[in-house]
Amino acid sequence: MYRRIPKKRKRFAADKYLLLFLVLTITSSCQLQTKKYMEDTKANKAFILEMIGEKKKLEDYPDKASDSMVVYEPSSLPFGGVYKGINAYEKFYPEVRKFYDFSRFELINVYAEADVVFAIIKAGIAHTNDNILLCEQFTFKEGKIVEVRLYIHDFPEKSIHSLISK
């Protein structure tokens, strides 16, 4: 014998399928975003590892810097300041190459999370036997560096000011 399903139950069944469809769609979307997130993290970290680990310059990777990139350097350094745009970066960067002794430039570690990469560096200061500890933060957008921030660890027994004034 054929039994009719009340309209309320049909509607509930349809709502159930709609809900299942939405859950599957959202889950699939989240999985794709997670995969892209992980791929971006891996690619950004690998780039910074290569560039700093091999003591290269950003100019060696012209497709990696945004034209509107902003670089923040601590005011306690001789080249400290805020540099907006790739042209400003290219003007101050020779001072960076003079200040550090790249033969004593050691990449300690690199940490990455999606579009942000931190590089911990022990850097020798040119014409001295002294080193400073740096943390350089790179922010990426669509695979290009849009912001760089440099932080210095100031050792109490040897402040950055005493090292620079030599």
N, C-alpha and C. Protein backbone atom coordinates (compact mmCIF):
# COMPACT_ATOMS: atom_id res chain seq x y z
N MET A 1 0.82 -1.16 0.00
CA MET A 1 0.00 0.00 0.00
C MET A 1 0.89 1.26 0.00
N TYR A 2 0.51 2.20 -0.80
CA TYR A 2 1.26 3.44 -0.96
C TYR A 2 0.84 4.42 0.12
N ARG A 3 1.84 5.01 0.75
CA ARG A 3 1.56 5.95 1.82
C ARG A 3 2.13 7.32 1.46
N ARG A 4 1.38 8.33 1.58
CA ARG A 4 1.83 9.67 1.25
C ARG A 4 2.63 10.27 2.40
N ILE A 5 3.70 10.97 2.00
CA ILE A 5 4.50 11.67 3.00
C ILE A 5 3.93 13.06 3.14
N PRO A 6 3.69 13.46 4.35
CA PRO A 6 3.16 14.82 4.55
C PRO A 6 4.12 15.86 4.00
N LYS A 7 3.61 16.99 3.57
CA LYS A 7 4.42 18.04 2.97
C LYS A 7 5.52 18.52 3.91
N LYS A 8 5.27 18.60 5.18
CA LYS A 8 6.25 19.03 6.15
C LYS A 8 7.48 18.14 6.09
N ARG A 9 7.30 16.85 6.00
CA ARG A 9 8.41 15.90 5.98
C ARG A 9 9.21 16.03 4.70
N LYS A 10 8.52 16.28 3.58
CA LYS A 10 9.24 16.47 2.32
C LYS A 10 10.14 17.70 2.42
N ARG A 11 9.59 18.73 2.97
CA ARG A 11 10.35 19.96 3.11
C ARG A 11 11.55 19.72 4.01
N PHE A 12 11.38 19.00 5.08
CA PHE A 12 12.47 18.68 6.00
C PHE A 12 13.54 17.88 5.28
N ALA A 13 13.14 16.93 4.47
CA ALA A 13 14.10 16.12 3.72
C ALA A 13 14.88 17.00 2.74
N ALA A 14 14.20 17.91 2.07
CA ALA A 14 14.88 18.81 1.14
C ALA A 14 15.84 19.72 1.89
N ASP A 15 15.42 20.23 3.04
CA ASP A 15 16.29 21.08 3.86
C ASP A 15 17.53 20.31 4.30
N LYS A 16 17.35 19.05 4.61
CA LYS A 16 18.46 18.21 5.04
C LYS A 16 19.49 18.10 3.92
N TYR A 17 19.04 17.90 2.68
CA TYR A 17 19.96 17.79 1.55
C TYR A 17 20.64 19.12 1.26
N LEU A 18 19.91 20.19 1.40
CA LEU A 18 20.50 21.51 1.20
C LEU A 18 21.58 21.76 2.24
N LEU A 19 21.31 21.42 3.47
CA LEU A 19 22.28 21.57 4.54
C LEU A 19 23.51 20.71 4.27
N LEU A 20 23.31 19.49 3.86
CA LEU A 20 24.43 18.59 3.53
C LEU A 20 25.26 19.19 2.39
N PHE A 21 24.60 19.71 1.37
CA PHE A 21 25.30 20.34 0.25
C PHE A 21 26.15 21.52 0.72
N LEU A 22 25.58 22.37 1.59
CA LEU A 22 26.31 23.53 2.10
C LEU A 22 27.52 23.10 2.93
N VAL A 23 27.36 22.12 3.78
CA VAL A 23 28.46 21.63 4.61
C VAL A 23 29.58 21.09 3.72
N LEU A 24 29.24 20.30 2.71
CA LEU A 24 30.25 19.75 1.81
C LEU A 24 30.95 20.86 1.02
N THR A 25 30.21 21.85 0.58
CA THR A 25 30.79 22.96 -0.17
C THR A 25 31.76 23.75 0.71
N ILE A 26 31.35 24.07 1.91
CA ILE A 26 32.21 24.82 2.83
C ILE A 26 33.45 24.02 3.19
N THR A 27 33.28 22.74 3.47
CA THR A 27 34.41 21.89 3.82
C THR A 27 35.40 21.84 2.66
N SER A 28 34.91 21.68 1.47
CA SER A 28 35.77 21.64 0.29
C SER A 28 36.52 22.96 0.12
N SER A 29 35.83 24.06 0.29
CA SER A 29 36.44 25.38 0.18
C SER A 29 37.53 25.57 1.24
N CYS A 30 37.26 25.15 2.46
CA CYS A 30 38.24 25.26 3.54
C CYS A 30 39.48 24.42 3.25
N GLN A 31 39.27 23.23 2.69
CA GLN A 31 40.40 22.38 2.35
C GLN A 31 41.26 23.03 1.28
N LEU A 32 40.64 23.66 0.28
CA LEU A 32 41.40 24.34 -0.76
C LEU A 32 42.18 25.53 -0.19
N GLN A 33 41.52 26.29 0.71
CA GLN A 33 42.20 27.42 1.34
C GLN A 33 43.36 26.96 2.20
N THR A 34 43.17 25.86 2.94
CA THR A 34 44.23 25.32 3.78
C THR A 34 45.40 24.87 2.93
N LYS A 35 45.12 24.23 1.81
CA LYS A 35 46.18 23.78 0.92
C LYS A 35 46.95 24.97 0.37
N LYS A 36 46.26 26.02 -0.07
CA LYS A 36 46.92 27.22 -0.59
C LYS A 36 47.73 27.89 0.51
N TYR A 37 47.18 27.97 1.70
CA TYR A 37 47.85 28.55 2.86
C TYR A 37 49.17 27.83 3.12
N MET A 38 49.13 26.50 3.09
CA MET A 38 50.32 25.70 3.34
C MET A 38 51.34 25.86 2.21
N GLU A 39 50.86 25.93 0.97
CA GLU A 39 51.76 26.12 -0.17
C GLU A 39 52.42 27.49 -0.12
N ASP A 40 51.64 28.54 0.23
CA ASP A 40 52.20 29.89 0.34
C ASP A 40 53.26 29.94 1.43
N THR A 41 52.96 29.34 2.58
CA THR A 41 53.91 29.32 3.69
C THR A 41 55.22 28.67 3.25
N LYS A 42 55.11 27.53 2.62
CA LYS A 42 56.29 26.78 2.18
C LYS A 42 57.10 27.57 1.15
N ALA A 43 56.43 28.16 0.16
CA ALA A 43 57.11 28.92 -0.88
C ALA A 43 57.78 30.18 -0.33
N ASN A 44 57.09 30.90 0.54
CA ASN A 44 57.65 32.13 1.12
C ASN A 44 58.87 31.81 1.98
N LYS A 45 58.77 30.77 2.78
CA LYS A 45 59.89 30.37 3.63
C LYS A 45 61.09 29.93 2.78
N ALA A 46 60.84 29.14 1.75
CA ALA A 46 61.93 28.66 0.87
C ALA A 46 62.63 29.84 0.19
N PHE A 47 61.86 30.83 -0.22
CA PHE A 47 62.47 31.99 -0.87
C PHE A 47 63.40 32.73 0.09
N ILE A 48 62.94 33.00 1.31
CA ILE A 48 63.76 33.73 2.28
C ILE A 48 64.98 32.90 2.67
N LEU A 49 64.79 31.59 2.85
CA LEU A 49 65.93 30.71 3.15
C LEU A 49 66.99 30.82 2.07
N GLU A 50 66.56 30.80 0.83
CA GLU A 50 67.51 30.88 -0.29
C GLU A 50 68.18 32.24 -0.35
N MET A 51 67.38 33.30 -0.33
CA MET A 51 67.93 34.64 -0.50
C MET A 51 68.93 34.99 0.60
N ILE A 52 68.53 34.81 1.85
CA ILE A 52 69.41 35.19 2.96
C ILE A 52 70.51 34.15 3.17
N GLY A 53 70.13 32.88 3.07
CA GLY A 53 71.11 31.81 3.27
C GLY A 53 72.26 31.86 2.27
N GLU A 54 71.97 32.30 1.06
CA GLU A 54 73.00 32.40 0.02
C GLU A 54 73.55 33.82 -0.10
N LYS A 55 73.17 34.70 0.85
CA LYS A 55 73.65 36.08 0.93
C LYS A 55 73.41 36.85 -0.36
N LYS A 56 72.24 36.62 -0.93
CA LYS A 56 71.88 37.33 -2.15
C LYS A 56 71.12 38.60 -1.81
N LYS A 57 70.89 39.41 -2.82
CA LYS A 57 70.16 40.66 -2.66
C LYS A 57 68.78 40.50 -3.29
N LEU A 58 67.87 41.33 -2.86
CA LEU A 58 66.52 41.30 -3.42
C LEU A 58 66.55 41.62 -4.92
N GLU A 59 67.52 42.41 -5.33
CA GLU A 59 67.65 42.74 -6.75
C GLU A 59 67.90 41.49 -7.60
N ASP A 60 68.44 40.44 -6.97
CA ASP A 60 68.67 39.18 -7.69
C ASP A 60 67.37 38.47 -8.02
N TYR A 61 66.26 38.94 -7.45
CA TYR A 61 64.93 38.36 -7.66
C TYR A 61 63.95 39.48 -8.02
N PRO A 62 64.06 40.04 -9.20
CA PRO A 62 63.23 41.21 -9.55
C PRO A 62 61.72 40.96 -9.51
N ASP A 63 61.30 39.72 -9.66
CA ASP A 63 59.87 39.43 -9.66
C ASP A 63 59.30 39.21 -8.25
N LYS A 64 60.15 39.31 -7.21
CA LYS A 64 59.70 39.03 -5.85
C LYS A 64 59.36 40.27 -5.03
N ALA A 65 59.76 41.44 -5.49
CA ALA A 65 59.50 42.67 -4.73
C ALA A 65 58.38 43.46 -5.39
N SER A 66 57.44 43.87 -4.60
CA SER A 66 56.36 44.73 -5.08
C SER A 66 56.92 46.13 -5.34
N ASP A 67 56.43 46.80 -6.37
CA ASP A 67 56.87 48.16 -6.66
C ASP A 67 56.56 49.11 -5.51
N SER A 68 55.54 48.78 -4.74
CA SER A 68 55.13 49.65 -3.62
C SER A 68 55.65 49.13 -2.27
N MET A 69 56.64 48.26 -2.29
CA MET A 69 57.20 47.69 -1.06
C MET A 69 57.65 48.80 -0.11
N VAL A 70 57.41 48.58 1.18
CA VAL A 70 57.84 49.52 2.22
C VAL A 70 58.83 48.80 3.12
N VAL A 71 59.99 49.46 3.38
CA VAL A 71 61.03 48.87 4.22
C VAL A 71 61.21 49.78 5.44
N TYR A 72 61.16 49.17 6.62
CA TYR A 72 61.36 49.88 7.88
C TYR A 72 62.68 49.41 8.49
N GLU A 73 63.64 50.34 8.62
CA GLU A 73 64.93 50.05 9.22
C GLU A 73 65.03 50.84 10.52
N PRO A 74 65.56 50.21 11.59
CA PRO A 74 65.65 50.92 12.89
C PRO A 74 66.46 52.21 12.78
N SER A 75 65.99 53.23 13.47
CA SER A 75 66.66 54.53 13.42
C SER A 75 68.04 54.49 14.08
N SER A 76 68.32 53.47 14.86
CA SER A 76 69.63 53.36 15.50
C SER A 76 70.72 52.91 14.53
N LEU A 77 70.34 52.49 13.33
CA LEU A 77 71.32 52.10 12.32
C LEU A 77 71.64 53.30 11.43
N PRO A 78 72.84 53.35 10.86
CA PRO A 78 73.22 54.50 10.02
C PRO A 78 72.27 54.72 8.83
N PHE A 79 71.61 53.70 8.38
CA PHE A 79 70.70 53.80 7.24
C PHE A 79 69.25 53.67 7.68
N GLY A 80 68.98 53.90 8.97
CA GLY A 80 67.64 53.76 9.51
C GLY A 80 66.65 54.71 8.87
N GLY A 81 65.41 54.25 8.77
CA GLY A 81 64.36 55.08 8.20
C GLY A 81 63.29 54.23 7.55
N VAL A 82 62.34 54.90 6.93
CA VAL A 82 61.25 54.22 6.21
C VAL A 82 61.46 54.51 4.73
N TYR A 83 61.49 53.45 3.95
CA TYR A 83 61.74 53.56 2.52
C TYR A 83 60.54 53.02 1.77
N LYS A 84 59.91 53.88 0.99
CA LYS A 84 58.70 53.49 0.27
C LYS A 84 58.99 53.35 -1.22
N GLY A 85 58.72 52.17 -1.73
CA GLY A 85 58.92 51.90 -3.15
C GLY A 85 60.25 51.25 -3.43
N ILE A 86 60.31 50.56 -4.53
CA ILE A 86 61.52 49.83 -4.92
C ILE A 86 62.67 50.78 -5.21
N ASN A 87 62.39 51.98 -5.74
CA ASN A 87 63.45 52.96 -6.02
C ASN A 87 64.12 53.44 -4.74
N ALA A 88 63.34 53.69 -3.70
CA ALA A 88 63.90 54.11 -2.42
C ALA A 88 64.76 52.99 -1.82
N TYR A 89 64.29 51.77 -1.96
CA TYR A 89 65.06 50.60 -1.48
C TYR A 89 66.42 50.53 -2.19
N GLU A 90 66.41 50.69 -3.49
CA GLU A 90 67.64 50.59 -4.27
C GLU A 90 68.63 51.70 -3.92
N LYS A 91 68.14 52.85 -3.44
CA LYS A 91 69.03 53.95 -3.06
C LYS A 91 69.70 53.70 -1.71
N PHE A 92 68.98 53.14 -0.72
CA PHE A 92 69.59 52.97 0.59
C PHE A 92 70.32 51.64 0.74
N TYR A 93 70.01 50.64 -0.06
CA TYR A 93 70.56 49.30 0.16
C TYR A 93 72.08 49.22 0.05
N PRO A 94 72.76 50.01 -0.78
CA PRO A 94 74.23 49.97 -0.78
C PRO A 94 74.83 50.27 0.60
N GLU A 95 74.15 51.12 1.38
CA GLU A 95 74.62 51.40 2.74
C GLU A 95 74.54 50.16 3.63
N VAL A 96 73.54 49.35 3.41
CA VAL A 96 73.40 48.08 4.15
C VAL A 96 74.58 47.18 3.84
N ARG A 97 74.95 47.06 2.57
CA ARG A 97 76.06 46.20 2.14
C ARG A 97 77.39 46.69 2.73
N LYS A 98 77.53 48.00 2.94
CA LYS A 98 78.76 48.54 3.54
C LYS A 98 78.80 48.30 5.05
N PHE A 99 77.63 48.33 5.69
CA PHE A 99 77.56 48.24 7.14
C PHE A 99 77.85 46.84 7.67
N TYR A 100 77.32 45.82 7.01
CA TYR A 100 77.49 44.44 7.48
C TYR A 100 78.69 43.78 6.82
N ASP A 101 79.30 42.86 7.57
CA ASP A 101 80.35 42.00 7.03
C ASP A 101 79.68 40.68 6.63
N PHE A 102 79.40 40.52 5.36
CA PHE A 102 78.63 39.37 4.91
C PHE A 102 79.40 38.06 5.00
N SER A 103 80.69 38.11 5.24
CA SER A 103 81.43 36.86 5.47
C SER A 103 81.10 36.29 6.85
N ARG A 104 80.55 37.15 7.72
CA ARG A 104 80.12 36.71 9.06
C ARG A 104 78.62 36.89 9.23
N PHE A 105 77.89 36.64 8.19
CA PHE A 105 76.44 36.77 8.17
C PHE A 105 75.87 35.36 8.27
N GLU A 106 75.23 35.04 9.40
CA GLU A 106 74.76 33.68 9.64
C GLU A 106 73.24 33.65 9.84
N LEU A 107 72.58 32.91 8.98
CA LEU A 107 71.14 32.72 9.12
C LEU A 107 70.91 31.66 10.19
N ILE A 108 70.28 32.05 11.28
CA ILE A 108 70.08 31.13 12.41
C ILE A 108 68.82 30.29 12.20
N ASN A 109 67.72 30.94 11.83
CA ASN A 109 66.48 30.20 11.61
C ASN A 109 65.48 31.06 10.83
N VAL A 110 64.53 30.37 10.22
CA VAL A 110 63.46 31.04 9.49
C VAL A 110 62.14 30.45 9.95
N TYR A 111 61.20 31.31 10.28
CA TYR A 111 59.86 30.91 10.70
C TYR A 111 58.86 31.52 9.72
N ALA A 112 57.87 30.74 9.33
CA ALA A 112 56.89 31.25 8.37
C ALA A 112 55.49 30.84 8.75
N GLU A 113 54.56 31.72 8.46
CA GLU A 113 53.14 31.47 8.66
C GLU A 113 52.39 32.23 7.58
N ALA A 114 51.97 31.52 6.57
CA ALA A 114 51.23 32.09 5.43
C ALA A 114 52.05 33.19 4.76
N ASP A 115 51.61 34.45 4.89
CA ASP A 115 52.25 35.56 4.18
C ASP A 115 53.33 36.28 4.98
N VAL A 116 53.66 35.78 6.16
CA VAL A 116 54.66 36.43 6.99
C VAL A 116 55.80 35.46 7.27
N VAL A 117 57.04 35.96 7.06
CA VAL A 117 58.23 35.15 7.30
C VAL A 117 59.17 35.96 8.18
N PHE A 118 59.70 35.30 9.21
CA PHE A 118 60.69 35.91 10.10
C PHE A 118 62.01 35.19 9.91
N ALA A 119 63.09 35.96 9.73
CA ALA A 119 64.43 35.39 9.62
C ALA A 119 65.25 35.92 10.79
N ILE A 120 65.87 35.00 11.54
CA ILE A 120 66.75 35.36 12.65
C ILE A 120 68.17 35.25 12.12
N ILE A 121 68.93 36.34 12.26
CA ILE A 121 70.25 36.44 11.64
C ILE A 121 71.27 36.97 12.64
N LYS A 122 72.43 36.34 12.66
CA LYS A 122 73.57 36.88 13.40
C LYS A 122 74.44 37.55 12.35
N ALA A 123 74.60 38.87 12.47
CA ALA A 123 75.29 39.63 11.43
C ALA A 123 76.54 40.30 11.98
N GLY A 124 77.64 40.10 11.27
CA GLY A 124 78.87 40.78 11.62
C GLY A 124 78.81 42.22 11.15
N ILE A 125 79.41 43.12 11.94
CA ILE A 125 79.48 44.53 11.56
C ILE A 125 80.84 44.75 10.89
N ALA A 126 80.81 45.36 9.72
CA ALA A 126 82.03 45.56 8.93
C ALA A 126 83.09 46.33 9.72
N HIS A 127 84.34 45.96 9.53
CA HIS A 127 85.52 46.61 10.11
C HIS A 127 85.57 46.51 11.63
N THR A 128 84.82 45.53 12.19
CA THR A 128 84.87 45.27 13.64
C THR A 128 84.84 43.75 13.82
N ASN A 129 85.01 43.33 15.06
CA ASN A 129 84.83 41.90 15.39
C ASN A 129 83.47 41.66 16.02
N ASP A 130 82.61 42.67 16.02
CA ASP A 130 81.32 42.60 16.69
C ASP A 130 80.22 42.05 15.78
N ASN A 131 79.20 41.51 16.44
CA ASN A 131 78.01 40.99 15.76
C ASN A 131 76.77 41.59 16.39
N ILE A 132 75.70 41.61 15.63
CA ILE A 132 74.39 41.95 16.18
C ILE A 132 73.41 40.87 15.77
N LEU A 133 72.37 40.73 16.58
CA LEU A 133 71.33 39.76 16.29
C LEU A 133 70.14 40.50 15.69
N LEU A 134 69.69 40.03 14.51
CA LEU A 134 68.60 40.68 13.78
C LEU A 134 67.41 39.75 13.65
N CYS A 135 66.25 40.34 13.58
CA CYS A 135 65.04 39.62 13.20
C CYS A 135 64.44 40.44 12.06
N GLU A 136 64.35 39.80 10.92
CA GLU A 136 63.81 40.50 9.75
C GLU A 136 62.45 39.89 9.41
N GLN A 137 61.45 40.73 9.35
CA GLN A 137 60.08 40.29 9.06
C GLN A 137 59.73 40.68 7.63
N PHE A 138 59.34 39.68 6.85
CA PHE A 138 58.92 39.89 5.46
C PHE A 138 57.43 39.59 5.35
N THR A 139 56.69 40.50 4.76
CA THR A 139 55.26 40.26 4.53
C THR A 139 55.05 40.18 3.02
N PHE A 140 54.37 39.11 2.61
CA PHE A 140 54.12 38.84 1.20
C PHE A 140 52.65 39.09 0.87
N LYS A 141 52.41 39.44 -0.36
CA LYS A 141 51.04 39.51 -0.88
C LYS A 141 51.12 39.01 -2.32
N GLU A 142 50.37 37.96 -2.59
CA GLU A 142 50.36 37.34 -3.92
C GLU A 142 51.75 37.00 -4.41
N GLY A 143 52.59 36.49 -3.49
CA GLY A 143 53.92 36.02 -3.85
C GLY A 143 55.00 37.08 -3.92
N LYS A 144 54.65 38.34 -3.64
CA LYS A 144 55.64 39.42 -3.70
C LYS A 144 55.80 40.05 -2.31
N ILE A 145 57.00 40.49 -2.02
CA ILE A 145 57.25 41.17 -0.74
C ILE A 145 56.65 42.57 -0.81
N VAL A 146 55.79 42.87 0.17
CA VAL A 146 55.17 44.19 0.23
C VAL A 146 55.69 45.01 1.42
N GLU A 147 56.30 44.31 2.39
CA GLU A 147 56.80 45.02 3.56
C GLU A 147 57.95 44.25 4.18
N VAL A 148 58.97 45.01 4.62
CA VAL A 148 60.11 44.43 5.34
C VAL A 148 60.30 45.27 6.59
N ARG A 149 60.42 44.59 7.73
CA ARG A 149 60.70 45.29 9.00
C ARG A 149 61.90 44.62 9.65
N LEU A 150 62.86 45.42 10.04
CA LEU A 150 64.06 44.90 10.70
C LEU A 150 64.01 45.26 12.17
N TYR A 151 64.27 44.26 13.01
CA TYR A 151 64.34 44.45 14.46
C TYR A 151 65.73 44.05 14.93
N ILE A 152 66.26 44.79 15.89
CA ILE A 152 67.60 44.50 16.42
C ILE A 152 67.46 44.07 17.87
N HIS A 153 68.22 43.02 18.22
CA HIS A 153 68.30 42.62 19.62
C HIS A 153 69.50 43.37 20.20
N ASP A 154 69.23 44.24 21.12
CA ASP A 154 70.28 45.04 21.74
C ASP A 154 70.78 44.32 22.99
N PHE A 155 72.03 43.88 22.98
CA PHE A 155 72.60 43.20 24.13
C PHE A 155 72.95 44.24 25.20
N PRO A 156 72.58 44.00 26.47
CA PRO A 156 72.85 44.99 27.52
C PRO A 156 74.34 45.33 27.65
N GLU A 157 75.20 44.33 27.49
CA GLU A 157 76.63 44.58 27.66
C GLU A 157 77.26 45.30 26.47
N LYS A 158 76.59 45.28 25.31
CA LYS A 158 77.09 45.96 24.11
C LYS A 158 75.90 46.47 23.31
N SER A 159 75.51 47.70 23.57
CA SER A 159 74.36 48.25 22.85
C SER A 159 74.74 48.56 21.41
N ILE A 160 73.76 48.64 20.56
CA ILE A 160 74.01 48.94 19.14
C ILE A 160 74.71 50.28 18.98
N HIS A 161 74.42 51.23 19.85
CA HIS A 161 75.04 52.56 19.76
C HIS A 161 76.54 52.49 20.01
N SER A 162 76.97 51.64 20.95
CA SER A 162 78.40 51.51 21.20
C SER A 162 79.11 50.80 20.07
N LEU A 163 78.43 49.93 19.37
CA LEU A 163 79.03 49.20 18.25
C LEU A 163 79.17 50.09 17.02
N ILE A 164 78.22 50.95 16.81
CA ILE A 164 78.23 51.81 15.62
C ILE A 164 79.22 52.96 15.76
N SER A 165 79.41 53.44 16.98
CA SER A 165 80.25 54.62 17.19
C SER A 165 81.75 54.32 17.05
N LYS A 166 82.11 53.09 16.76
CA LYS A 166 83.54 52.75 16.64
C LYS A 166 84.15 53.34 15.41
